Amino acid sequence: MPSLQVREMPAVLYGTLQEHAKREHRSLAQQAVVTLARGMELTVDPRERRQALLARIKEAHLPALELPDAADMVKEDRAR
């Protein structure tokens, strides 16, 4: 995920952003992203992001993993 560094941010703006983050139980970075998205009239819904990611994973058709039977593994370990 890309990152952003802001230099020479006015103290008043930084303090206000910090207050909003605390009130919303977010980190400063999370609050900055939410505030920027709102200002640009974009939605940043974590549920939508998760659903989109899950959909991409399902579409990837990853091969199923064949895991050994746990009971067999325990028996093998005890036999050592």
C-alpha atoms as a PDB file:
ATOM      1  CA  MET A   1       0.000   0.000   0.000  1.00  0.00           C
ATOM      2  CA  PRO A   2       1.404   3.439  -0.859  1.00  0.00           C
ATOM      3  CA  SER A   3       2.378   5.824   1.918  1.00  0.00           C
ATOM      4  CA  LEU A   4       2.367   9.586   2.222  1.00  0.00           C
ATOM      5  CA  GLN A   5       4.545  11.951   4.230  1.00  0.00           C
ATOM      6  CA  VAL A   6       3.281  15.458   4.913  1.00  0.00           C
ATOM      7  CA  ARG A   7       5.801  18.160   5.759  1.00  0.00           C
ATOM      8  CA  GLU A   8       5.190  21.520   7.388  1.00  0.00           C
ATOM      9  CA  MET A   9       1.649  20.717   8.512  1.00  0.00           C
ATOM     10  CA  PRO A  10       0.185  23.582  10.551  1.00  0.00           C
ATOM     11  CA  ALA A  11       0.047  22.717  14.269  1.00  0.00           C
ATOM     12  CA  VAL A  12      -3.657  23.579  14.426  1.00  0.00           C
ATOM     13  CA  LEU A  13      -4.455  21.141  11.617  1.00  0.00           C
ATOM     14  CA  TYR A  14      -2.313  18.416  13.186  1.00  0.00           C
ATOM     15  CA  GLY A  15      -3.920  18.919  16.602  1.00  0.00           C
ATOM     16  CA  THR A  16      -7.427  18.827  15.136  1.00  0.00           C
ATOM     17  CA  LEU A  17      -6.641  15.664  13.200  1.00  0.00           C
ATOM     18  CA  GLN A  18      -5.222  14.124  16.368  1.00  0.00           C
ATOM     19  CA  GLU A  19      -8.372  15.024  18.345  1.00  0.00           C
ATOM     20  CA  HIS A  20     -10.619  13.517  15.679  1.00  0.00           C
ATOM     21  CA  ALA A  21      -8.525  10.340  15.619  1.00  0.00           C
ATOM     22  CA  LYS A  22      -8.780   9.973  19.380  1.00  0.00           C
ATOM     23  CA  ARG A  23     -12.526  10.597  19.349  1.00  0.00           C
ATOM     24  CA  GLU A  24     -13.050   8.043  16.542  1.00  0.00           C
ATOM     25  CA  HIS A  25     -10.662   5.472  18.110  1.00  0.00           C
ATOM     26  CA  ARG A  26      -8.353   5.546  15.086  1.00  0.00           C
ATOM     27  CA  SER A  27      -4.651   6.001  14.582  1.00  0.00           C
ATOM     28  CA  LEU A  28      -3.498   9.333  13.204  1.00  0.00           C
ATOM     29  CA  ALA A  29      -2.741   7.694   9.840  1.00  0.00           C
ATOM     30  CA  GLN A  30      -6.183   6.053   9.679  1.00  0.00           C
ATOM     31  CA  GLN A  31      -7.867   9.347  10.486  1.00  0.00           C
ATOM     32  CA  ALA A  32      -5.851  11.142   7.820  1.00  0.00           C
ATOM     33  CA  VAL A  33      -6.972   8.598   5.207  1.00  0.00           C
ATOM     34  CA  VAL A  34     -10.623   8.869   6.263  1.00  0.00           C
ATOM     35  CA  THR A  35     -10.485  12.686   6.278  1.00  0.00           C
ATOM     36  CA  LEU A  36      -8.839  12.817   2.839  1.00  0.00           C
ATOM     37  CA  ALA A  37     -11.375  10.361   1.421  1.00  0.00           C
ATOM     38  CA  ARG A  38     -14.294  12.366   2.804  1.00  0.00           C
ATOM     39  CA  GLY A  39     -12.807  15.574   1.418  1.00  0.00           C
ATOM     40  CA  MET A  40     -12.555  13.988  -2.026  1.00  0.00           C
ATOM     41  CA  GLU A  41     -16.031  12.468  -1.670  1.00  0.00           C
ATOM     42  CA  LEU A  42     -14.700   8.904  -1.830  1.00  0.00           C
ATOM     43  CA  THR A  43     -15.786   5.981   0.311  1.00  0.00           C
ATOM     44  CA  VAL A  44     -13.243   4.036   2.288  1.00  0.00           C
ATOM     45  CA  ASP A  45     -15.349   1.300   3.834  1.00  0.00           C
ATOM     46  CA  PRO A  46     -13.206  -1.473   5.327  1.00  0.00           C
ATOM     47  CA  ARG A  47     -16.036  -3.993   4.821  1.00  0.00           C
ATOM     48  CA  GLU A  48     -16.131  -3.239   1.106  1.00  0.00           C
ATOM     49  CA  ARG A  49     -12.345  -3.579   0.883  1.00  0.00           C
ATOM     50  CA  ARG A  50     -12.484  -6.955   2.666  1.00  0.00           C
ATOM     51  CA  GLN A  51     -15.311  -8.217   0.461  1.00  0.00           C
ATOM     52  CA  ALA A  52     -13.420  -7.177  -2.674  1.00  0.00           C
ATOM     53  CA  LEU A  53     -10.290  -8.953  -1.431  1.00  0.00           C
ATOM     54  CA  LEU A  54     -12.231 -12.128  -0.640  1.00  0.00           C
ATOM     55  CA  ALA A  55     -13.810 -12.026  -4.094  1.00  0.00           C
ATOM     56  CA  ARG A  56     -10.359 -11.735  -5.717  1.00  0.00           C
ATOM     57  CA  ILE A  57      -9.114 -14.674  -3.654  1.00  0.00           C
ATOM     58  CA  LYS A  58     -12.083 -16.807  -4.735  1.00  0.00           C
ATOM     59  CA  GLU A  59     -11.502 -15.848  -8.374  1.00  0.00           C
ATOM     60  CA  ALA A  60      -7.837 -16.836  -8.155  1.00  0.00           C
ATOM     61  CA  HIS A  61      -8.814 -20.542  -7.972  1.00  0.00           C
ATOM     62  CA  LEU A  62      -5.932 -21.456  -5.723  1.00  0.00           C
ATOM     63  CA  PRO A  63      -5.219 -25.168  -5.472  1.00  0.00           C
ATOM     64  CA  ALA A  64      -6.492 -26.861  -2.344  1.00  0.00           C
ATOM     65  CA  LEU A  65      -3.814 -27.786   0.138  1.00  0.00           C
ATOM     66  CA  GLU A  66      -3.594 -31.441   1.047  1.00  0.00           C
ATOM     67  CA  LEU A  67      -2.755 -31.481   4.727  1.00  0.00           C
ATOM     68  CA  PRO A  68      -1.785 -34.662   6.535  1.00  0.00           C
ATOM     69  CA  ASP A  69      -4.165 -36.139   9.083  1.00  0.00           C
ATOM     70  CA  ALA A  70      -3.416 -34.719  12.542  1.00  0.00           C
ATOM     71  CA  ALA A  71      -3.932 -38.087  14.245  1.00  0.00           C
ATOM     72  CA  ASP A  72      -1.394 -39.734  11.925  1.00  0.00           C
ATOM     73  CA  MET A  73       1.085 -36.975  12.665  1.00  0.00           C
ATOM     74  CA  VAL A  74       0.700 -37.487  16.429  1.00  0.00           C
ATOM     75  CA  LYS A  75       1.114 -41.266  16.081  1.00  0.00           C
ATOM     76  CA  GLU A  76       4.221 -40.781  13.965  1.00  0.00           C
ATOM     77  CA  ASP A  77       5.675 -38.319  16.469  1.00  0.00           C
ATOM     78  CA  ARG A  78       5.040 -40.666  19.408  1.00  0.00           C
ATOM     79  CA  ALA A  79       6.693 -43.534  17.569  1.00  0.00           C
ATOM     80  CA  ARG A  80      10.016 -41.645  17.397  1.00  0.00           C
END
